[in-house]
């Protein structure tokens, strides 16, 4: 981590109340404790090829519940063409 910081620096993502920050979850990241009286939620989305089907764990553990690993709806996502999705700011 020290070498990464020396070579690349640290970037800070900030925003006002209700802001949304989207980043690739494999990016090295961290955050301080939530100091507000309101909850701070995290959502993680994982996209895989339809060929990469979820299987039973190899280690003998129980499969993850559907809210963590959906096995029923495995159709490919259909792209949506919307001007609103192209807007950034």
PDB file of N, CA and C in Angstrom:
ATOM      1  N   UNK A   1       0.830  -1.191   0.000  1.00  0.00           N
ATOM      2  CA  UNK A   1       0.000   0.000   0.000  1.00  0.00           C
ATOM      3  C   UNK A   1       0.876   1.255   0.000  1.00  0.00           C
ATOM      4  N   UNK A   2       1.926   1.237   0.798  1.00  0.00           N
ATOM      5  CA  UNK A   2       2.830   2.387   0.863  1.00  0.00           C
ATOM      6  C   UNK A   2       3.417   2.700  -0.514  1.00  0.00           C
ATOM      7  N   UNK A   3       3.883   1.669  -1.218  1.00  0.00           N
ATOM      8  CA  UNK A   3       4.458   1.874  -2.551  1.00  0.00           C
ATOM      9  C   UNK A   3       3.409   2.410  -3.527  1.00  0.00           C
ATOM     10  N   UNK A   4       2.199   1.857  -3.472  1.00  0.00           N
ATOM     11  CA  UNK A   4       1.132   2.326  -4.359  1.00  0.00           C
ATOM     12  C   UNK A   4       0.852   3.809  -4.136  1.00  0.00           C
ATOM     13  N   UNK A   5       0.833   4.225  -2.872  1.00  0.00           N
ATOM     14  CA  UNK A   5       0.564   5.632  -2.570  1.00  0.00           C
ATOM     15  C   UNK A   5       1.710   6.509  -3.057  1.00  0.00           C
ATOM     16  N   UNK A   6       2.941   6.081  -2.829  1.00  0.00           N
ATOM     17  CA  UNK A   6       4.090   6.873  -3.279  1.00  0.00           C
ATOM     18  C   UNK A   6       4.094   7.022  -4.797  1.00  0.00           C
ATOM     19  N   UNK A   7       3.749   5.952  -5.511  1.00  0.00           N
ATOM     20  CA  UNK A   7       3.798   5.981  -6.973  1.00  0.00           C
ATOM     21  C   UNK A   7       2.578   6.652  -7.607  1.00  0.00           C
ATOM     22  N   UNK A   8       1.428   6.559  -6.964  1.00  0.00           N
ATOM     23  CA  UNK A   8       0.189   7.024  -7.592  1.00  0.00           C
ATOM     24  C   UNK A   8      -0.572   8.082  -6.808  1.00  0.00           C
ATOM     25  N   UNK A   9      -0.211   8.302  -5.553  1.00  0.00           N
ATOM     26  CA  UNK A   9      -0.930   9.272  -4.736  1.00  0.00           C
ATOM     27  C   UNK A   9      -2.249   8.720  -4.230  1.00  0.00           C
ATOM     28  N   UNK A  10      -3.015   9.587  -3.588  1.00  0.00           N
ATOM     29  CA  UNK A  10      -4.332   9.234  -3.054  1.00  0.00           C
ATOM     30  C   UNK A  10      -5.341  10.224  -3.619  1.00  0.00           C
ATOM     31  N   UNK A  11      -6.458   9.729  -4.078  1.00  0.00           N
ATOM     32  CA  UNK A  11      -7.550  10.568  -4.556  1.00  0.00           C
ATOM     33  C   UNK A  11      -8.662  10.534  -3.519  1.00  0.00           C
ATOM     34  N   UNK A  12      -9.354  11.642  -3.360  1.00  0.00           N
ATOM     35  CA  UNK A  12     -10.451  11.728  -2.405  1.00  0.00           C
ATOM     36  C   UNK A  12     -11.755  11.920  -3.159  1.00  0.00           C
ATOM     37  N   UNK A  13     -12.741  11.115  -2.844  1.00  0.00           N
ATOM     38  CA  UNK A  13     -14.076  11.260  -3.420  1.00  0.00           C
ATOM     39  C   UNK A  13     -14.976  11.846  -2.337  1.00  0.00           C
ATOM     40  N   UNK A  14     -15.553  12.998  -2.599  1.00  0.00           N
ATOM     41  CA  UNK A  14     -16.430  13.638  -1.621  1.00  0.00           C
ATOM     42  C   UNK A  14     -17.728  14.045  -2.297  1.00  0.00           C
ATOM     43  N   UNK A  15     -18.736  14.267  -1.493  1.00  0.00           N
ATOM     44  CA  UNK A  15     -20.015  14.711  -2.015  1.00  0.00           C
ATOM     45  C   UNK A  15     -20.925  15.122  -0.879  1.00  0.00           C
ATOM     46  N   UNK A  16     -21.925  15.875  -1.214  1.00  0.00           N
ATOM     47  CA  UNK A  16     -22.898  16.310  -0.222  1.00  0.00           C
ATOM     48  C   UNK A  16     -23.870  15.200   0.138  1.00  0.00           C
ATOM     49  N   UNK A  17     -24.759  15.513   1.060  1.00  0.00           N
ATOM     50  CA  UNK A  17     -25.765  14.540   1.493  1.00  0.00           C
ATOM     51  C   UNK A  17     -26.549  14.034   0.289  1.00  0.00           C
ATOM     52  N   UNK A  18     -26.718  12.734   0.208  1.00  0.00           N
ATOM     53  CA  UNK A  18     -27.443  12.117  -0.894  1.00  0.00           C
ATOM     54  C   UNK A  18     -26.604  11.833  -2.117  1.00  0.00           C
ATOM     55  N   UNK A  19     -25.313  12.125  -2.061  1.00  0.00           N
ATOM     56  CA  UNK A  19     -24.432  11.871  -3.207  1.00  0.00           C
ATOM     57  C   UNK A  19     -24.224  10.380  -3.410  1.00  0.00           C
ATOM     58  N   UNK A  20     -23.882  10.026  -4.624  1.00  0.00           N
ATOM     59  CA  UNK A  20     -23.615   8.646  -4.992  1.00  0.00           C
ATOM     60  C   UNK A  20     -22.235   8.582  -5.625  1.00  0.00           C
ATOM     61  N   UNK A  21     -21.418   7.670  -5.146  1.00  0.00           N
ATOM     62  CA  UNK A  21     -20.091   7.456  -5.718  1.00  0.00           C
ATOM     63  C   UNK A  21     -20.070   6.049  -6.294  1.00  0.00           C
ATOM     64  N   UNK A  22     -19.732   5.936  -7.573  1.00  0.00           N
ATOM     65  CA  UNK A  22     -19.664   4.636  -8.231  1.00  0.00           C
ATOM     66  C   UNK A  22     -18.222   4.392  -8.645  1.00  0.00           C
ATOM     67  N   UNK A  23     -17.690   3.237  -8.261  1.00  0.00           N
ATOM     68  CA  UNK A  23     -16.329   2.881  -8.648  1.00  0.00           C
ATOM     69  C   UNK A  23     -16.218   1.375  -8.738  1.00  0.00           C
ATOM     70  N   UNK A  24     -15.199   0.909  -9.437  1.00  0.00           N
ATOM     71  CA  UNK A  24     -14.934  -0.524  -9.584  1.00  0.00           C
ATOM     72  C   UNK A  24     -14.506  -1.058  -8.224  1.00  0.00           C
ATOM     73  N   UNK A  25     -15.186  -2.090  -7.726  1.00  0.00           N
ATOM     74  CA  UNK A  25     -14.967  -2.538  -6.349  1.00  0.00           C
ATOM     75  C   UNK A  25     -13.582  -3.132  -6.114  1.00  0.00           C
ATOM     76  N   UNK A  26     -12.826  -3.448  -7.153  1.00  0.00           N
ATOM     77  CA  UNK A  26     -11.465  -3.946  -6.961  1.00  0.00           C
ATOM     78  C   UNK A  26     -10.444  -2.825  -6.809  1.00  0.00           C
ATOM     79  N   UNK A  27     -10.882  -1.578  -6.933  1.00  0.00           N
ATOM     80  CA  UNK A  27     -10.002  -0.438  -6.691  1.00  0.00           C
ATOM     81  C   UNK A  27      -9.702  -0.397  -5.193  1.00  0.00           C
ATOM     82  N   UNK A  28      -8.433  -0.188  -4.837  1.00  0.00           N
ATOM     83  CA  UNK A  28      -8.077  -0.058  -3.424  1.00  0.00           C
ATOM     84  C   UNK A  28      -8.848   1.124  -2.855  1.00  0.00           C
ATOM     85  N   UNK A  29      -9.625   0.891  -1.811  1.00  0.00           N
ATOM     86  CA  UNK A  29     -10.445   1.959  -1.256  1.00  0.00           C
ATOM     87  C   UNK A  29     -10.647   1.750   0.240  1.00  0.00           C
ATOM     88  N   UNK A  30     -11.098   2.776   0.889  1.00  0.00           N
ATOM     89  CA  UNK A  30     -11.393   2.708   2.318  1.00  0.00           C
ATOM     90  C   UNK A  30     -12.235   3.902   2.713  1.00  0.00           C
ATOM     91  N   UNK A  31     -12.818   3.843   3.893  1.00  0.00           N
ATOM     92  CA  UNK A  31     -13.606   4.968   4.388  1.00  0.00           C
ATOM     93  C   UNK A  31     -13.569   4.969   5.910  1.00  0.00           C
ATOM     94  N   UNK A  32     -13.745   6.149   6.469  1.00  0.00           N
ATOM     95  CA  UNK A  32     -13.819   6.278   7.920  1.00  0.00           C
ATOM     96  C   UNK A  32     -15.177   5.826   8.416  1.00  0.00           C
ATOM     97  N   UNK A  33     -15.309   5.779   9.716  1.00  0.00           N
ATOM     98  CA  UNK A  33     -16.588   5.425  10.330  1.00  0.00           C
ATOM     99  C   UNK A  33     -17.638   6.474   9.970  1.00  0.00           C
ATOM    100  N   UNK A  34     -18.870   6.040   9.863  1.00  0.00           N
ATOM    101  CA  UNK A  34     -19.979   6.947   9.607  1.00  0.00           C
ATOM    102  C   UNK A  34     -20.237   7.735  10.892  1.00  0.00           C
ATOM    103  N   UNK A  35     -20.037   9.034  10.844  1.00  0.00           N
ATOM    104  CA  UNK A  35     -20.187   9.861  12.043  1.00  0.00           C
ATOM    105  C   UNK A  35     -21.540  10.558  12.096  1.00  0.00           C
ATOM    106  N   UNK A  36     -22.384  10.321  11.095  1.00  0.00           N
ATOM    107  CA  UNK A  36     -23.707  10.939  11.080  1.00  0.00           C
ATOM    108  C   UNK A  36     -24.701  10.019  11.790  1.00  0.00           C
ATOM    109  N   UNK A  37     -25.873  10.545  12.152  1.00  0.00           N
ATOM    110  CA  UNK A  37     -26.891   9.692  12.771  1.00  0.00           C
ATOM    111  C   UNK A  37     -27.673   8.861  11.753  1.00  0.00           C
ATOM    112  N   UNK A  38     -27.365   9.009  10.454  1.00  0.00           N
ATOM    113  CA  UNK A  38     -28.098   8.302   9.412  1.00  0.00           C
ATOM    114  C   UNK A  38     -27.275   7.144   8.867  1.00  0.00           C
ATOM    115  N   UNK A  39     -27.932   6.112   8.389  1.00  0.00           N
ATOM    116  CA  UNK A  39     -27.186   4.951   7.877  1.00  0.00           C
ATOM    117  C   UNK A  39     -26.438   5.281   6.586  1.00  0.00           C
ATOM    118  N   UNK A  40     -25.376   4.574   6.362  1.00  0.00           N
ATOM    119  CA  UNK A  40     -24.625   4.660   5.101  1.00  0.00           C
ATOM    120  C   UNK A  40     -24.670   3.259   4.502  1.00  0.00           C
ATOM    121  N   UNK A  41     -25.215   3.155   3.320  1.00  0.00           N
ATOM    122  CA  UNK A  41     -25.409   1.845   2.699  1.00  0.00           C
ATOM    123  C   UNK A  41     -24.425   1.628   1.566  1.00  0.00           C
ATOM    124  N   UNK A  42     -24.090   0.373   1.335  1.00  0.00           N
ATOM    125  CA  UNK A  42     -23.242  -0.028   0.214  1.00  0.00           C
ATOM    126  C   UNK A  42     -24.003  -1.041  -0.625  1.00  0.00           C
ATOM    127  N   UNK A  43     -23.938  -0.895  -1.923  1.00  0.00           N
ATOM    128  CA  UNK A  43     -24.498  -1.874  -2.849  1.00  0.00           C
ATOM    129  C   UNK A  43     -23.366  -2.391  -3.710  1.00  0.00           C
ATOM    130  N   UNK A  44     -23.309  -3.694  -3.884  1.00  0.00           N
ATOM    131  CA  UNK A  44     -22.281  -4.300  -4.721  1.00  0.00           C
ATOM    132  C   UNK A  44     -22.966  -5.066  -5.840  1.00  0.00           C
ATOM    133  N   UNK A  45     -22.601  -4.767  -7.061  1.00  0.00           N
ATOM    134  CA  UNK A  45     -23.136  -5.458  -8.225  1.00  0.00           C
ATOM    135  C   UNK A  45     -22.003  -6.225  -8.884  1.00  0.00           C
ATOM    136  N   UNK A  46     -22.249  -7.488  -9.172  1.00  0.00           N
ATOM    137  CA  UNK A  46     -21.245  -8.316  -9.838  1.00  0.00           C
ATOM    138  C   UNK A  46     -21.875  -8.851 -11.115  1.00  0.00           C
ATOM    139  N   UNK A  47     -21.210  -8.605 -12.224  1.00  0.00           N
ATOM    140  CA  UNK A  47     -21.699  -9.070 -13.516  1.00  0.00           C
ATOM    141  C   UNK A  47     -20.747 -10.127 -14.050  1.00  0.00           C
ATOM    142  N   UNK A  48     -21.311 -11.213 -14.538  1.00  0.00           N
ATOM    143  CA  UNK A  48     -20.533 -12.305 -15.105  1.00  0.00           C
ATOM    144  C   UNK A  48     -21.113 -12.691 -16.452  1.00  0.00           C
ATOM    145  N   UNK A  49     -20.335 -13.389 -17.218  1.00  0.00           N
ATOM    146  CA  UNK A  49     -20.821 -13.971 -18.461  1.00  0.00           C
ATOM    147  C   UNK A  49     -21.924 -14.977 -18.131  1.00  0.00           C
ATOM    148  N   UNK A  50     -22.912 -15.118 -19.032  1.00  0.00           N
ATOM    149  CA  UNK A  50     -23.956 -16.120 -18.802  1.00  0.00           C
ATOM    150  C   UNK A  50     -23.376 -17.530 -18.816  1.00  0.00           C
ATOM    151  N   UNK A  51     -22.177 -17.692 -19.384  1.00  0.00           N
ATOM    152  CA  UNK A  51     -21.507 -18.996 -19.347  1.00  0.00           C
ATOM    153  C   UNK A  51     -20.900 -19.291 -17.972  1.00  0.00           C
ATOM    154  N   UNK A  52     -20.728 -18.285 -17.161  1.00  0.00           N
ATOM    155  CA  UNK A  52     -20.129 -18.445 -15.837  1.00  0.00           C
ATOM    156  C   UNK A  52     -21.240 -18.624 -14.801  1.00  0.00           C
ATOM    157  N   UNK A  53     -21.919 -19.746 -14.866  1.00  0.00           N
ATOM    158  CA  UNK A  53     -23.058 -20.017 -13.993  1.00  0.00           C
ATOM    159  C   UNK A  53     -22.615 -20.290 -12.559  1.00  0.00           C
ATOM    160  N   UNK A  54     -23.424 -19.831 -11.626  1.00  0.00           N
ATOM    161  CA  UNK A  54     -23.179 -20.069 -10.215  1.00  0.00           C
ATOM    162  C   UNK A  54     -23.394 -21.551  -9.918  1.00  0.00           C
ATOM    163  N   UNK A  55     -22.466 -22.150  -9.205  1.00  0.00           N
ATOM    164  CA  UNK A  55     -22.551 -23.569  -8.863  1.00  0.00           C
ATOM    165  C   UNK A  55     -22.553 -23.744  -7.356  1.00  0.00           C
ATOM    166  N   UNK A  56     -22.816 -24.978  -6.925  1.00  0.00           N
ATOM    167  CA  UNK A  56     -22.716 -25.283  -5.498  1.00  0.00           C
ATOM    168  C   UNK A  56     -21.272 -25.088  -5.057  1.00  0.00           C
ATOM    169  N   UNK A  57     -21.072 -24.645  -3.808  1.00  0.00           N
ATOM    170  CA  UNK A  57     -19.696 -24.482  -3.316  1.00  0.00           C
ATOM    171  C   UNK A  57     -18.938 -25.810  -3.357  1.00  0.00           C
ATOM    172  N   UNK A  58     -17.673 -25.757  -3.740  1.00  0.00           N
ATOM    173  CA  UNK A  58     -16.844 -26.959  -3.808  1.00  0.00           C
ATOM    174  C   UNK A  58     -16.433 -27.440  -2.422  1.00  0.00           C
ATOM    175  N   UNK A  59     -16.512 -26.553  -1.430  1.00  0.00           N
ATOM    176  CA  UNK A  59     -16.006 -26.874  -0.096  1.00  0.00           C
ATOM    177  C   UNK A  59     -17.029 -27.572   0.784  1.00  0.00           C
ATOM    178  N   UNK A  60     -18.241 -27.775   0.309  1.00  0.00           N
ATOM    179  CA  UNK A  60     -19.251 -28.451   1.112  1.00  0.00           C
ATOM    180  C   UNK A  60     -20.128 -27.502   1.907  1.00  0.00           C
ATOM    181  N   UNK A  61     -19.859 -26.191   1.858  1.00  0.00           N
ATOM    182  CA  UNK A  61     -20.729 -25.232   2.539  1.00  0.00           C
ATOM    183  C   UNK A  61     -22.061 -25.135   1.813  1.00  0.00           C
ATOM    184  N   UNK A  62     -23.059 -24.599   2.495  1.00  0.00           N
ATOM    185  CA  UNK A  62     -24.360 -24.380   1.859  1.00  0.00           C
ATOM    186  C   UNK A  62     -24.238 -23.281   0.805  1.00  0.00           C
ATOM    187  N   UNK A  63     -25.035 -23.352  -0.268  1.00  0.00           N
ATOM    188  CA  UNK A  63     -25.023 -22.277  -1.273  1.00  0.00           C
ATOM    189  C   UNK A  63     -25.456 -20.952  -0.652  1.00  0.00           C
ATOM    190  N   UNK A  64     -24.987 -19.864  -1.229  1.00  0.00           N
ATOM    191  CA  UNK A  64     -25.391 -18.543  -0.757  1.00  0.00           C
ATOM    192  C   UNK A  64     -26.881 -18.350  -0.990  1.00  0.00           C
ATOM    193  N   UNK A  65     -27.552 -17.544  -0.147  1.00  0.00           N
ATOM    194  CA  UNK A  65     -28.976 -17.267  -0.371  1.00  0.00           C
ATOM    195  C   UNK A  65     -29.168 -16.483  -1.669  1.00  0.00           C
ATOM    196  N   UNK A  66     -30.384 -16.531  -2.213  1.00  0.00           N
ATOM    197  CA  UNK A  66     -30.662 -15.894  -3.505  1.00  0.00           C
ATOM    198  C   UNK A  66     -30.352 -14.401  -3.528  1.00  0.00           C
ATOM    199  N   UNK A  67     -30.484 -13.706  -2.403  1.00  0.00           N
ATOM    200  CA  UNK A  67     -30.204 -12.272  -2.440  1.00  0.00           C
ATOM    201  C   UNK A  67     -28.711 -11.996  -2.601  1.00  0.00           C
ATOM    202  N   UNK A  68     -27.860 -13.006  -2.410  1.00  0.00           N
ATOM    203  CA  UNK A  68     -26.420 -12.861  -2.637  1.00  0.00           C
ATOM    204  C   UNK A  68     -25.959 -13.537  -3.923  1.00  0.00           C
ATOM    205  N   UNK A  69     -26.654 -14.566  -4.342  1.00  0.00           N
ATOM    206  CA  UNK A  69     -26.266 -15.284  -5.551  1.00  0.00           C
ATOM    207  C   UNK A  69     -27.494 -15.866  -6.218  1.00  0.00           C
ATOM    208  N   UNK A  70     -28.052 -15.157  -7.180  1.00  0.00           N
ATOM    209  CA  UNK A  70     -29.292 -15.558  -7.827  1.00  0.00           C
ATOM    210  C   UNK A  70     -29.041 -16.676  -8.827  1.00  0.00           C
ATOM    211  N   UNK A  71     -29.745 -17.773  -8.660  1.00  0.00           N
ATOM    212  CA  UNK A  71     -29.613 -18.921  -9.552  1.00  0.00           C
ATOM    213  C   UNK A  71     -30.813 -19.077 -10.482  1.00  0.00           C
ATOM    214  N   UNK A  72     -31.862 -18.264 -10.291  1.00  0.00           N
ATOM    215  CA  UNK A  72     -33.094 -18.469 -11.045  1.00  0.00           C
ATOM    216  C   UNK A  72     -33.190 -17.602 -12.297  1.00  0.00           C
ATOM    217  N   UNK A  73     -32.750 -16.356 -12.255  1.00  0.00           N
ATOM    218  CA  UNK A  73     -32.827 -15.478 -13.420  1.00  0.00           C
ATOM    219  C   UNK A  73     -31.414 -15.300 -13.971  1.00  0.00           C
ATOM    220  N   UNK A  74     -31.062 -16.119 -14.945  1.00  0.00           N
ATOM    221  CA  UNK A  74     -29.696 -16.087 -15.468  1.00  0.00           C
ATOM    222  C   UNK A  74     -29.645 -15.608 -16.921  1.00  0.00           C
ATOM    223  N   UNK A  75     -30.696 -14.893 -17.353  1.00  0.00           N
ATOM    224  CA  UNK A  75     -30.687 -14.361 -18.719  1.00  0.00           C
ATOM    225  C   UNK A  75     -29.722 -13.182 -18.819  1.00  0.00           C
ATOM    226  N   UNK A  76     -29.173 -12.996 -20.001  1.00  0.00           N
ATOM    227  CA  UNK A  76     -28.257 -11.872 -20.227  1.00  0.00           C
ATOM    228  C   UNK A  76     -29.006 -10.550 -20.108  1.00  0.00           C
ATOM    229  N   UNK A  77     -28.327  -9.516 -19.609  1.00  0.00           N
ATOM    230  CA  UNK A  77     -28.912  -8.185 -19.540  1.00  0.00           C
ATOM    231  C   UNK A  77     -29.037  -7.608 -20.944  1.00  0.00           C
ATOM    232  N   UNK A  78     -30.098  -6.852 -21.171  1.00  0.00           N
ATOM    233  CA  UNK A  78     -30.326  -6.208 -22.459  1.00  0.00           C
ATOM    234  C   UNK A  78     -29.940  -4.736 -22.320  1.00  0.00           C
ATOM    235  N   UNK A  79     -29.063  -4.229 -23.192  1.00  0.00           N
ATOM    236  CA  UNK A  79     -28.672  -2.813 -23.092  1.00  0.00           C
ATOM    237  C   UNK A  79     -29.871  -1.892 -23.271  1.00  0.00           C
ATOM    238  N   UNK A  80     -29.893  -0.806 -22.532  1.00  0.00           N
ATOM    239  CA  UNK A  80     -30.948   0.198 -22.617  1.00  0.00           C
ATOM    240  C   UNK A  80     -30.350   1.442 -23.251  1.00  0.00           C
ATOM    241  N   UNK A  81     -31.000   1.941 -24.305  1.00  0.00           N
ATOM    242  CA  UNK A  81     -30.530   3.160 -24.955  1.00  0.00           C
ATOM    243  C   UNK A  81     -31.368   4.321 -24.435  1.00  0.00           C
ATOM    244  N   UNK A  82     -30.778   5.127 -23.576  1.00  0.00           N
ATOM    245  CA  UNK A  82     -31.490   6.250 -22.987  1.00  0.00           C
ATOM    246  C   UNK A  82     -30.560   7.449 -22.884  1.00  0.00           C
ATOM    247  N   UNK A  83     -31.006   8.634 -23.335  1.00  0.00           N
ATOM    248  CA  UNK A  83     -30.161   9.827 -23.210  1.00  0.00           C
ATOM    249  C   UNK A  83     -29.794  10.119 -21.751  1.00  0.00           C
ATOM    250  N   UNK A  84     -30.687   9.792 -20.811  1.00  0.00           N
ATOM    251  CA  UNK A  84     -30.415  10.044 -19.393  1.00  0.00           C
ATOM    252  C   UNK A  84     -29.209   9.258 -18.902  1.00  0.00           C
ATOM    253  N   UNK A  85     -28.961   8.077 -19.477  1.00  0.00           N
ATOM    254  CA  UNK A  85     -27.846   7.251 -19.033  1.00  0.00           C
ATOM    255  C   UNK A  85     -26.515   7.764 -19.563  1.00  0.00           C
ATOM    256  N   UNK A  86     -26.540   8.628 -20.551  1.00  0.00           N
ATOM    257  CA  UNK A  86     -25.301   9.171 -21.115  1.00  0.00           C
ATOM    258  C   UNK A  86     -24.864  10.456 -20.412  1.00  0.00           C
ATOM    259  N   UNK A  87     -25.742  11.012 -19.613  1.00  0.00           N
ATOM    260  CA  UNK A  87     -25.458  12.281 -18.949  1.00  0.00           C
ATOM    261  C   UNK A  87     -24.560  12.044 -17.733  1.00  0.00           C
ATOM    262  N   UNK A  88     -23.503  12.788 -17.643  1.00  0.00           N
ATOM    263  CA  UNK A  88     -22.619  12.706 -16.482  1.00  0.00           C
ATOM    264  C   UNK A  88     -22.381  14.107 -15.955  1.00  0.00           C
ATOM    265  N   UNK A  89     -21.902  14.191 -14.735  1.00  0.00           N
ATOM    266  CA  UNK A  89     -21.676  15.526 -14.221  1.00  0.00           C
ATOM    267  C   UNK A  89     -20.886  15.564 -12.977  1.00  0.00           C
TER     268      UNK A  89
END
